[in-house]
Amino acid sequence: MRNRVIATGAATLVMALGLSACGGDGGEGGGEGGGKTIKVVAADYGDKASNASKIFWDRVAKDFEAANSGYQVDVQVINWNDIDKTVKNMIQTGNEPDILQTGGYADKVADDLLYKVDDVMSPKTKANIVPAFAKAGEVKGAAYGIPWVSSSRVLFYNKKALATAGVDKPPTTWAEVAAAAKKIKDKKAADTPYALPLGPEEAQGETMMWEMGNGGGYTDASGKYTINSAANVETFKWLQENLVKPGLTYPNPASTDRKTAFADFAAGKVGMMNGHPSVIQMAQESKVEYGVTTIPGKDGPLANTLGVADWTMAFKDGGAEKEAVKKFLDFTYTKKNLVSFAEMYNFMPVTTDAVAEMQANPKHASLKPFFEALPTAKFYPVNDTAWDVISAEIKKTGGKAVSEDPKTALDALQKKAEDAAAAAK
C-alpha cells in the first residue's frame, strides 16, 4: 500500500480502543539460527542516565529469562542519532538482530528481511493492538511492523515567559508566533523565543508539522512525494525570514536536535516549541510552569496534528529460533511492560488494555490533550517501503531549507525521494 499517509477518525479510534481485531495463527517454531539467545536492538528514548531505555529493556530481559528457563536475552540500546546507521551496518555484515525497536520498518520489508507479524506473535497478543495502529504496520495487506508507542504533538509554551513578554494568550497563527517570539526576545523573557530543532534526531517531525500548517506535507492525496511543493517552499521561506534571520530561534536549527530543545524548555530557557508528551514529565520535574495548545498554522490552528508511532520488528535471519522470538514478543507486549515503558516517557501505549489503564488513571490526566489530538492525527507514510530511506535523508539535510535557499534544498530532497521510491518498486 504505497505512500499512504494514515489518518484516523475519532469514531475509528473509539472503536479501536473498545474492539479487538482477530490475528492469524502464529508460525511454527524453528528459525534460521535455531538458538535460544535473543538479540534485541532498541532505540534510547531517555535524555539522562536515570531514564535511559536500557533500564527498561534490562528489566524485561531479566524477567523473561527468569520466566523462561534456558533462554537468554542480549540487549543493545542505541541513541536515536545512530540507530539507523548502526542497524544498516548490522544488516550489511549479516549480523541482524532478532528483534529491532526503532522508528520505521518498511524499508526492511522491501529487502525481505522481516517475519510477518503472524509468524512471531500469538493471535491473542496481536488482537490486543489498537487496530488503527496495527493497520499502519501493514505493507500490501500483510503486517510486518508491530507498533511500540504512540504520541501526538502540541505546542508547548512557558507561561512565565509569555507573561513577562506581555503575551496574553498563546499564538494560533504563524504571524502570532513570530509576534510573540519577538516580544519574548525584546523582554529577554527566554534565551530562545521559539525552539526550532531541525537537526538529525527528528527533523522529519518538525518539518512535517510546519508543512501541514500551510496545507503541505510529504505526499499528496495519491501518495506521490511532494517535498518540494510550492506550499512547502513557502513554509521554509517563512521560517527563514520570520524566525531564523531575526534571531528568534537557535542560530543553526539544522544542527539542533529535539533533545536539546526539550532540555532547554525544561530548564526554562525556551518560550515556545512543538513537543510530545515526554516534555510534560521533564517540565514538571524542573518545576517549569507550562501550557499546551493546538499547533498554530499559517492562518489558524492545525485541524490535524502529527501523530507518530514507533515500531518493533523481527528479522528472519537473526540467530534465535522463531519460537524464542515469539515468546519474547508476547512477554514484552503485556500490559505491565507497555504501561511501564509509556510511563517512563509519558507516551501513549498501543494496546487496548494498556490504553484503558492509562486513561483511567488520574495521574495521567496531563495526557488528555494528546489522547484528544490523536484520533485525527496524520502520520508519516510509514508503510511506504521507501520512507525510511527518505526520512533518513530529511534528517541529514532537511535543516538546510532554513539556512540555504529553501527551493534548492527541497528540490534535492525531492530528487532523492523520487529515486528511493523508484528503487523500492
Protein backbone atom coordinates (compact mmCIF):
# COMPACT_ATOMS: atom_id res chain seq x y z
CA MET A 1 0.00 0.00 0.00
CA ARG A 2 2.36 2.64 -1.34
CA ASN A 3 2.91 6.05 0.26
CA ARG A 4 -0.30 6.00 2.26
CA VAL A 5 -0.49 8.75 4.90
CA ILE A 6 -2.59 7.33 7.70
CA ALA A 7 -5.30 9.44 9.28
CA THR A 8 -7.72 8.02 11.83
CA GLY A 9 -11.13 9.45 12.59
CA ALA A 10 -12.45 9.95 16.11
CA ALA A 11 -15.04 7.23 15.67
CA THR A 12 -12.39 4.86 14.34
CA LEU A 13 -10.17 5.27 17.37
CA VAL A 14 -13.08 4.95 19.79
CA MET A 15 -13.97 1.65 18.12
CA ALA A 16 -10.31 0.67 18.07
CA LEU A 17 -9.97 1.14 21.80
CA GLY A 18 -13.06 -0.91 22.50
CA LEU A 19 -12.77 -3.76 19.99
CA SER A 20 -10.15 -6.37 19.21
CA ALA A 21 -9.13 -7.48 15.75
CA CYS A 22 -8.55 -11.16 15.05
CA GLY A 23 -4.97 -12.10 14.29
CA GLY A 24 -3.77 -15.04 12.24
CA ASP A 25 -2.16 -18.20 13.52
CA GLY A 26 1.39 -17.94 14.78
CA GLY A 27 4.23 -19.53 12.77
CA GLU A 28 5.87 -22.80 13.67
CA GLY A 29 8.96 -22.84 15.82
CA GLY A 30 12.47 -23.17 14.45
CA GLY A 31 14.00 -20.19 12.68
CA GLU A 32 17.22 -19.87 10.68
CA GLY A 33 19.53 -19.93 13.68
CA GLY A 34 17.61 -22.25 15.98
CA GLY A 35 19.14 -20.62 19.06
CA LYS A 36 17.69 -19.65 22.40
CA THR A 37 19.64 -16.40 22.73
CA ILE A 38 17.52 -13.47 21.55
CA LYS A 39 19.38 -10.42 20.33
CA VAL A 40 17.39 -7.21 20.86
CA VAL A 41 18.38 -3.79 19.49
CA ALA A 42 16.33 -0.82 20.69
CA ALA A 43 16.31 2.97 20.49
CA ASP A 44 17.10 5.07 23.56
CA TYR A 45 14.28 7.45 24.45
CA GLY A 46 15.99 8.80 27.57
CA ASP A 47 17.68 12.14 27.98
CA LYS A 48 19.74 11.19 31.05
CA ALA A 49 21.09 8.12 32.84
CA SER A 50 18.10 7.87 35.18
CA ASN A 51 15.58 7.36 32.35
CA ALA A 52 17.73 5.56 29.79
CA SER A 53 15.75 2.94 27.88
CA LYS A 54 18.34 0.32 28.79
CA ILE A 55 16.84 0.32 32.30
CA PHE A 56 13.54 -0.91 30.88
CA TRP A 57 14.99 -3.45 28.45
CA ASP A 58 17.37 -4.91 31.03
CA ARG A 59 14.46 -5.45 33.41
CA VAL A 60 12.32 -7.07 30.71
CA ALA A 61 15.22 -9.31 29.72
CA LYS A 62 15.84 -10.35 33.33
CA ASP A 63 12.15 -11.05 33.95
CA PHE A 64 11.85 -13.03 30.71
CA GLU A 65 14.88 -15.16 31.50
CA ALA A 66 13.51 -15.88 34.97
CA ALA A 67 10.19 -16.99 33.50
CA ASN A 68 11.68 -18.97 30.59
CA SER A 69 14.44 -21.32 31.65
CA GLY A 70 17.14 -21.88 29.02
CA TYR A 71 16.54 -18.62 27.15
CA GLN A 72 18.86 -15.61 27.20
CA VAL A 73 18.33 -12.04 26.00
CA ASP A 74 21.17 -9.87 24.68
CA VAL A 75 20.10 -6.21 24.69
CA GLN A 76 21.80 -3.32 22.88
CA VAL A 77 20.27 0.17 23.25
CA ILE A 78 21.40 2.84 20.74
CA ASN A 79 20.69 6.59 20.67
CA TRP A 80 18.33 7.91 18.02
CA ASN A 81 21.06 9.71 16.06
CA ASP A 82 23.00 6.49 15.45
CA ILE A 83 20.49 3.65 15.41
CA ASP A 84 19.59 3.78 11.70
CA LYS A 85 23.24 3.76 10.64
CA THR A 86 24.19 1.05 13.13
CA VAL A 87 21.36 -1.25 12.08
CA LYS A 88 22.20 -0.70 8.42
CA ASN A 89 25.77 -1.81 9.14
CA MET A 90 24.47 -4.86 11.03
CA ILE A 91 22.37 -5.87 8.03
CA GLN A 92 25.22 -5.33 5.57
CA THR A 93 27.53 -7.52 7.64
CA GLY A 94 24.96 -10.28 8.17
CA ASN A 95 24.66 -9.53 11.88
CA GLU A 96 20.94 -8.76 12.05
CA PRO A 97 19.28 -8.64 15.47
CA ASP A 98 16.38 -10.95 16.16
CA ILE A 99 14.19 -8.06 17.31
CA LEU A 100 14.58 -4.38 16.48
CA GLN A 101 12.68 -1.48 18.07
CA THR A 102 13.11 1.80 16.19
CA GLY A 103 11.28 4.45 14.17
CA GLY A 104 10.41 2.60 10.95
CA TYR A 105 10.13 -0.84 9.40
CA ALA A 106 9.01 -0.72 5.77
CA ASP A 107 12.45 -0.49 4.13
CA LYS A 108 13.27 -3.87 5.68
CA VAL A 109 10.11 -5.30 4.14
CA ALA A 110 11.30 -4.20 0.72
CA ASP A 111 14.50 -6.19 1.28
CA ASP A 112 12.55 -9.25 2.50
CA LEU A 113 14.29 -9.20 5.89
CA LEU A 114 11.32 -9.43 8.25
CA TYR A 115 8.95 -12.05 9.54
CA LYS A 116 5.27 -11.37 9.14
CA VAL A 117 3.71 -10.47 12.48
CA ASP A 118 1.53 -13.60 12.34
CA ASP A 119 4.71 -15.71 12.39
CA VAL A 120 6.19 -14.21 15.55
CA MET A 121 3.27 -13.06 17.68
CA SER A 122 0.40 -15.05 19.13
CA PRO A 123 -3.14 -14.24 17.93
CA LYS A 124 -4.10 -13.08 21.44
CA THR A 125 -1.24 -10.59 21.67
CA LYS A 126 -1.77 -9.32 18.13
CA ALA A 127 -5.51 -8.86 18.73
CA ASN A 128 -4.75 -6.58 21.69
CA ILE A 129 -3.02 -3.99 19.50
CA VAL A 130 -5.17 -0.95 18.70
CA PRO A 131 -6.42 -1.77 15.16
CA ALA A 132 -5.70 1.70 13.77
CA PHE A 133 -2.02 1.28 14.66
CA ALA A 134 -1.87 -2.37 13.65
CA LYS A 135 -3.11 -1.33 10.19
CA ALA A 136 -0.23 1.11 9.88
CA GLY A 137 2.13 -1.86 10.24
CA GLU A 138 0.89 -3.43 7.01
CA VAL A 139 2.55 -3.41 3.61
CA LYS A 140 0.35 -4.64 0.75
CA GLY A 141 -2.10 -6.15 3.21
CA ALA A 142 0.39 -8.11 5.32
CA ALA A 143 1.55 -6.96 8.76
CA TYR A 144 5.30 -6.70 9.33
CA GLY A 145 5.60 -3.75 11.73
CA ILE A 146 4.42 -4.01 15.33
CA PRO A 147 3.58 -0.62 16.87
CA TRP A 148 5.52 0.12 20.04
CA VAL A 149 4.45 3.51 21.43
CA SER A 150 2.49 6.41 20.02
CA SER A 151 2.28 10.14 20.55
CA SER A 152 0.73 13.25 19.09
CA ARG A 153 2.15 16.76 19.00
CA VAL A 154 1.03 20.06 20.55
CA LEU A 155 2.53 23.50 21.09
CA PHE A 156 4.19 23.91 24.48
CA TYR A 157 4.66 27.38 25.93
CA ASN A 158 6.37 28.73 29.02
CA LYS A 159 3.68 30.61 30.94
CA LYS A 160 6.15 32.83 32.76
CA ALA A 161 7.96 33.77 29.55
CA LEU A 162 4.75 34.73 27.78
CA ALA A 163 3.53 36.74 30.77
CA THR A 164 6.84 38.57 31.12
CA ALA A 165 6.74 39.39 27.41
CA GLY A 166 3.20 40.72 27.67
CA VAL A 167 1.67 37.98 25.52
CA ASP A 168 -1.88 37.49 26.80
CA LYS A 169 -2.68 34.19 25.10
CA PRO A 170 -0.75 31.52 23.21
CA PRO A 171 -0.46 32.01 19.43
CA THR A 172 -2.88 30.42 16.97
CA THR A 173 -1.27 31.55 13.68
CA TRP A 174 2.27 31.84 12.33
CA ALA A 175 2.08 35.63 12.48
CA GLU A 176 1.16 35.41 16.16
CA VAL A 177 4.07 33.00 16.76
CA ALA A 178 6.50 35.49 15.26
CA ALA A 179 4.98 38.42 17.15
CA ALA A 180 5.08 36.56 20.47
CA ALA A 181 8.64 35.41 19.84
CA LYS A 182 9.74 38.99 19.13
CA LYS A 183 8.19 40.19 22.39
CA ILE A 184 9.93 37.38 24.28
CA LYS A 185 13.24 38.41 22.74
CA ASP A 186 12.71 42.13 23.39
CA LYS A 187 11.82 41.48 27.05
CA LYS A 188 14.56 38.84 27.41
CA ALA A 189 11.91 36.53 28.80
CA ALA A 190 13.68 33.41 27.42
CA ASP A 191 17.02 32.65 25.82
CA THR A 192 15.32 31.07 22.80
CA PRO A 193 11.90 32.57 22.00
CA TYR A 194 10.91 29.71 19.69
CA ALA A 195 12.80 26.40 19.58
CA LEU A 196 13.09 25.05 16.02
CA PRO A 197 15.01 21.74 16.13
CA LEU A 198 15.78 20.61 12.57
CA GLY A 199 18.82 18.52 13.48
CA PRO A 200 19.22 14.82 12.63
CA GLU A 201 17.33 13.47 15.64
CA GLU A 202 13.83 14.23 14.35
CA ALA A 203 13.96 16.80 11.55
CA GLN A 204 11.25 14.87 9.71
CA GLY A 205 8.78 15.55 12.55
CA GLU A 206 9.35 19.28 12.98
CA THR A 207 9.34 19.66 9.19
CA MET A 208 6.01 17.90 8.73
CA MET A 209 4.29 19.93 11.46
CA TRP A 210 5.24 23.21 9.80
CA GLU A 211 4.38 21.96 6.31
CA MET A 212 0.94 20.80 7.50
CA GLY A 213 0.32 24.33 8.75
CA ASN A 214 0.44 25.57 5.15
CA GLY A 215 -1.56 22.76 3.57
CA GLY A 216 1.59 20.88 2.59
CA GLY A 217 3.29 17.68 3.63
CA TYR A 218 5.42 14.88 2.27
CA THR A 219 2.86 13.35 -0.10
CA ASP A 220 -0.28 14.34 -1.97
CA ALA A 221 -3.63 12.54 -1.84
CA SER A 222 -2.44 9.95 -4.36
CA GLY A 223 0.67 9.13 -2.34
CA LYS A 224 3.14 10.86 -4.66
CA TYR A 225 6.01 12.61 -2.88
CA THR A 226 5.65 16.41 -2.92
CA ILE A 227 8.56 17.51 -0.73
CA ASN A 228 9.37 20.49 -2.98
CA SER A 229 5.79 21.67 -3.44
CA ALA A 230 5.13 25.40 -3.65
CA ALA A 231 3.42 25.26 -0.24
CA ASN A 232 6.44 23.59 1.38
CA VAL A 233 8.89 26.05 -0.18
CA GLU A 234 6.73 28.92 1.09
CA THR A 235 6.74 27.38 4.57
CA PHE A 236 10.52 27.31 4.79
CA LYS A 237 10.85 30.80 3.35
CA TRP A 238 8.55 31.99 6.12
CA LEU A 239 10.59 30.23 8.80
CA GLN A 240 13.81 31.65 7.42
CA GLU A 241 12.54 35.21 7.17
CA ASN A 242 10.43 35.34 10.33
CA LEU A 243 12.22 33.16 12.88
CA VAL A 244 15.77 32.32 11.80
CA LYS A 245 17.07 35.60 10.36
CA PRO A 246 15.53 37.78 13.14
CA GLY A 247 17.28 35.61 15.75
CA LEU A 248 14.06 34.31 17.30
CA THR A 249 15.24 30.69 17.34
CA TYR A 250 18.52 28.79 17.54
CA PRO A 251 21.39 30.22 15.44
CA ASN A 252 21.63 26.96 13.47
CA PRO A 253 18.41 24.91 13.57
CA ALA A 254 19.90 22.35 11.18
CA SER A 255 22.35 21.18 13.84
CA THR A 256 19.97 21.48 16.81
CA ASP A 257 18.35 18.25 17.96
CA ARG A 258 14.98 17.76 19.59
CA LYS A 259 16.56 16.59 22.86
CA THR A 260 18.36 19.96 23.10
CA ALA A 261 15.12 21.87 22.59
CA PHE A 262 13.27 19.73 25.13
CA ALA A 263 16.02 20.09 27.72
CA ASP A 264 16.14 23.85 27.18
CA PHE A 265 12.37 24.10 27.63
CA ALA A 266 12.58 22.08 30.85
CA ALA A 267 15.30 24.48 32.03
CA GLY A 268 13.06 27.49 31.40
CA LYS A 269 15.19 28.70 28.50
CA VAL A 270 12.60 28.34 25.71
CA GLY A 271 9.44 30.34 25.21
CA MET A 272 7.57 28.08 22.77
CA MET A 273 8.09 24.85 20.84
CA ASN A 274 6.31 21.86 19.35
CA GLY A 275 6.58 18.79 21.55
CA HIS A 276 5.31 15.37 22.52
CA PRO A 277 4.14 14.08 25.92
CA SER A 278 7.58 13.38 27.38
CA VAL A 279 8.08 17.14 27.73
CA ILE A 280 5.39 17.21 30.42
CA GLN A 281 7.39 15.00 32.73
CA MET A 282 10.57 16.98 32.09
CA ALA A 283 8.87 20.31 32.76
CA GLN A 284 7.17 19.05 35.91
CA GLU A 285 10.43 17.71 37.32
CA SER A 286 12.05 21.10 36.70
CA LYS A 287 9.01 22.97 38.06
CA VAL A 288 8.55 24.96 34.85
CA GLU A 289 5.01 26.33 34.50
CA TYR A 290 3.89 25.32 31.04
CA GLY A 291 0.78 25.27 28.93
CA VAL A 292 -0.18 23.31 25.83
CA THR A 293 -2.36 24.25 22.89
CA THR A 294 -3.02 23.24 19.29
CA ILE A 295 -0.08 23.85 16.96
CA PRO A 296 -0.51 27.13 15.05
CA GLY A 297 -0.80 27.05 11.27
CA LYS A 298 -0.40 29.82 8.73
CA ASP A 299 -3.99 31.00 9.09
CA GLY A 300 -5.16 29.20 12.24
CA PRO A 301 -4.64 26.15 14.46
CA LEU A 302 -3.92 22.85 12.73
CA ALA A 303 -7.01 20.76 12.07
CA ASN A 304 -4.81 17.64 12.16
CA THR A 305 -1.67 17.34 14.22
CA LEU A 306 1.25 14.99 13.70
CA GLY A 307 0.84 11.50 15.09
CA VAL A 308 3.82 9.21 15.49
CA ALA A 309 4.15 5.52 16.19
CA ASP A 310 7.47 3.77 16.66
CA TRP A 311 7.90 0.15 15.69
CA THR A 312 9.14 -3.29 16.63
CA MET A 313 10.03 -5.94 14.04
CA ALA A 314 11.56 -9.41 13.87
CA PHE A 315 14.32 -10.41 11.43
CA LYS A 316 14.16 -13.75 9.64
CA ASP A 317 17.95 -14.15 9.58
CA GLY A 318 18.58 -13.44 13.25
CA GLY A 319 20.20 -16.16 15.32
CA ALA A 320 17.24 -17.09 17.53
CA GLU A 321 14.62 -19.69 16.72
CA LYS A 322 11.25 -18.37 15.67
CA GLU A 323 9.53 -19.73 18.75
CA ALA A 324 12.00 -17.89 21.00
CA VAL A 325 11.24 -14.63 19.22
CA LYS A 326 7.50 -15.22 19.63
CA LYS A 327 7.89 -15.99 23.33
CA PHE A 328 9.83 -12.77 23.89
CA LEU A 329 7.45 -10.56 21.90
CA ASP A 330 4.40 -11.98 23.68
CA PHE A 331 6.15 -11.39 27.00
CA THR A 332 7.21 -7.85 26.12
CA TYR A 333 3.77 -6.81 24.85
CA THR A 334 1.98 -7.44 28.13
CA LYS A 335 0.04 -4.62 29.75
CA LYS A 336 2.54 -4.37 32.61
CA ASN A 337 5.51 -3.83 30.30
CA LEU A 338 3.85 -1.45 27.86
CA VAL A 339 2.40 0.74 30.60
CA SER A 340 5.79 0.74 32.32
CA PHE A 341 7.56 1.96 29.17
CA ALA A 342 4.88 4.53 28.34
CA GLU A 343 5.01 5.93 31.88
CA MET A 344 8.81 6.31 31.69
CA TYR A 345 8.42 8.91 28.93
CA ASN A 346 4.77 9.97 29.21
CA PHE A 347 3.92 8.34 25.87
CA MET A 348 0.68 6.65 24.87
CA PRO A 349 0.66 2.86 24.59
CA VAL A 350 -0.62 0.95 21.56
CA THR A 351 -2.59 -1.92 23.09
CA THR A 352 -6.22 -1.70 24.15
CA ASP A 353 -5.69 -2.82 27.74
CA ALA A 354 -2.70 -0.51 28.32
CA VAL A 355 -4.54 2.47 26.80
CA ALA A 356 -7.58 1.81 29.00
CA GLU A 357 -5.45 1.58 32.14
CA MET A 358 -3.62 4.85 31.49
CA GLN A 359 -6.76 6.77 30.52
CA ALA A 360 -8.49 5.63 33.71
CA ASN A 361 -5.59 6.63 35.94
CA PRO A 362 -5.90 10.22 37.29
CA LYS A 363 -2.11 10.58 37.39
CA HIS A 364 -2.15 10.62 33.58
CA ALA A 365 -4.64 13.49 33.30
CA SER A 366 -1.92 15.62 31.68
CA LEU A 367 -2.04 13.30 28.67
CA LYS A 368 -5.65 14.22 27.90
CA PRO A 369 -4.79 16.81 25.19
CA PHE A 370 -2.62 14.23 23.45
CA PHE A 371 -5.23 11.49 23.55
CA GLU A 372 -7.75 14.02 22.21
CA ALA A 373 -5.46 15.04 19.35
CA LEU A 374 -4.57 11.51 18.29
CA PRO A 375 -7.84 10.43 16.60
CA THR A 376 -7.47 12.98 13.78
CA ALA A 377 -3.67 12.94 13.60
CA LYS A 378 -1.77 12.39 10.37
CA PHE A 379 1.18 10.02 10.26
CA TYR A 380 4.31 9.70 8.19
CA PRO A 381 3.94 7.37 5.18
CA VAL A 382 5.48 4.64 7.32
CA ASN A 383 4.22 1.72 5.26
CA ASP A 384 5.87 3.00 2.10
CA THR A 385 8.93 0.82 1.59
CA ALA A 386 10.96 3.89 0.57
CA TRP A 387 10.02 6.01 3.59
CA ASP A 388 12.87 5.03 5.89
CA VAL A 389 15.41 5.99 3.22
CA ILE A 390 13.64 9.30 2.61
CA SER A 391 13.24 10.01 6.32
CA ALA A 392 16.97 9.45 6.81
CA GLU A 393 17.73 11.99 4.08
CA ILE A 394 15.41 14.55 5.66
CA LYS A 395 17.17 14.03 9.00
CA LYS A 396 20.57 14.60 7.37
CA THR A 397 19.86 17.58 5.13
CA GLY A 398 16.31 18.85 5.73
CA GLY A 399 17.52 21.65 8.02
CA LYS A 400 19.32 23.27 5.10
CA ALA A 401 15.94 24.59 3.98
CA VAL A 402 16.14 27.32 6.67
CA SER A 403 19.83 28.11 6.27
CA GLU A 404 20.15 27.99 2.48
CA ASP A 405 17.80 28.58 -0.45
CA PRO A 406 14.63 26.64 0.52
CA LYS A 407 13.73 25.61 -3.02
CA THR A 408 17.20 24.28 -3.77
CA ALA A 409 17.27 22.28 -0.55
CA LEU A 410 13.78 20.84 -1.06
CA ASP A 411 14.44 20.10 -4.74
CA ALA A 412 17.42 17.98 -3.69
CA LEU A 413 15.29 16.07 -1.18
CA GLN A 414 12.53 15.59 -3.76
CA LYS A 415 15.01 14.05 -6.19
CA LYS A 416 16.25 11.65 -3.53
CA ALA A 417 12.66 10.77 -2.60
CA GLU A 418 11.76 10.02 -6.20
CA ASP A 419 14.88 7.89 -6.65
CA ALA A 420 14.18 5.98 -3.43
CA ALA A 421 10.54 5.41 -4.38
CA ALA A 422 11.54 4.15 -7.83
CA ALA A 423 14.13 1.80 -6.36
CA ALA A 424 11.60 0.39 -3.89
CA LYS A 425 9.06 -0.57 -6.55
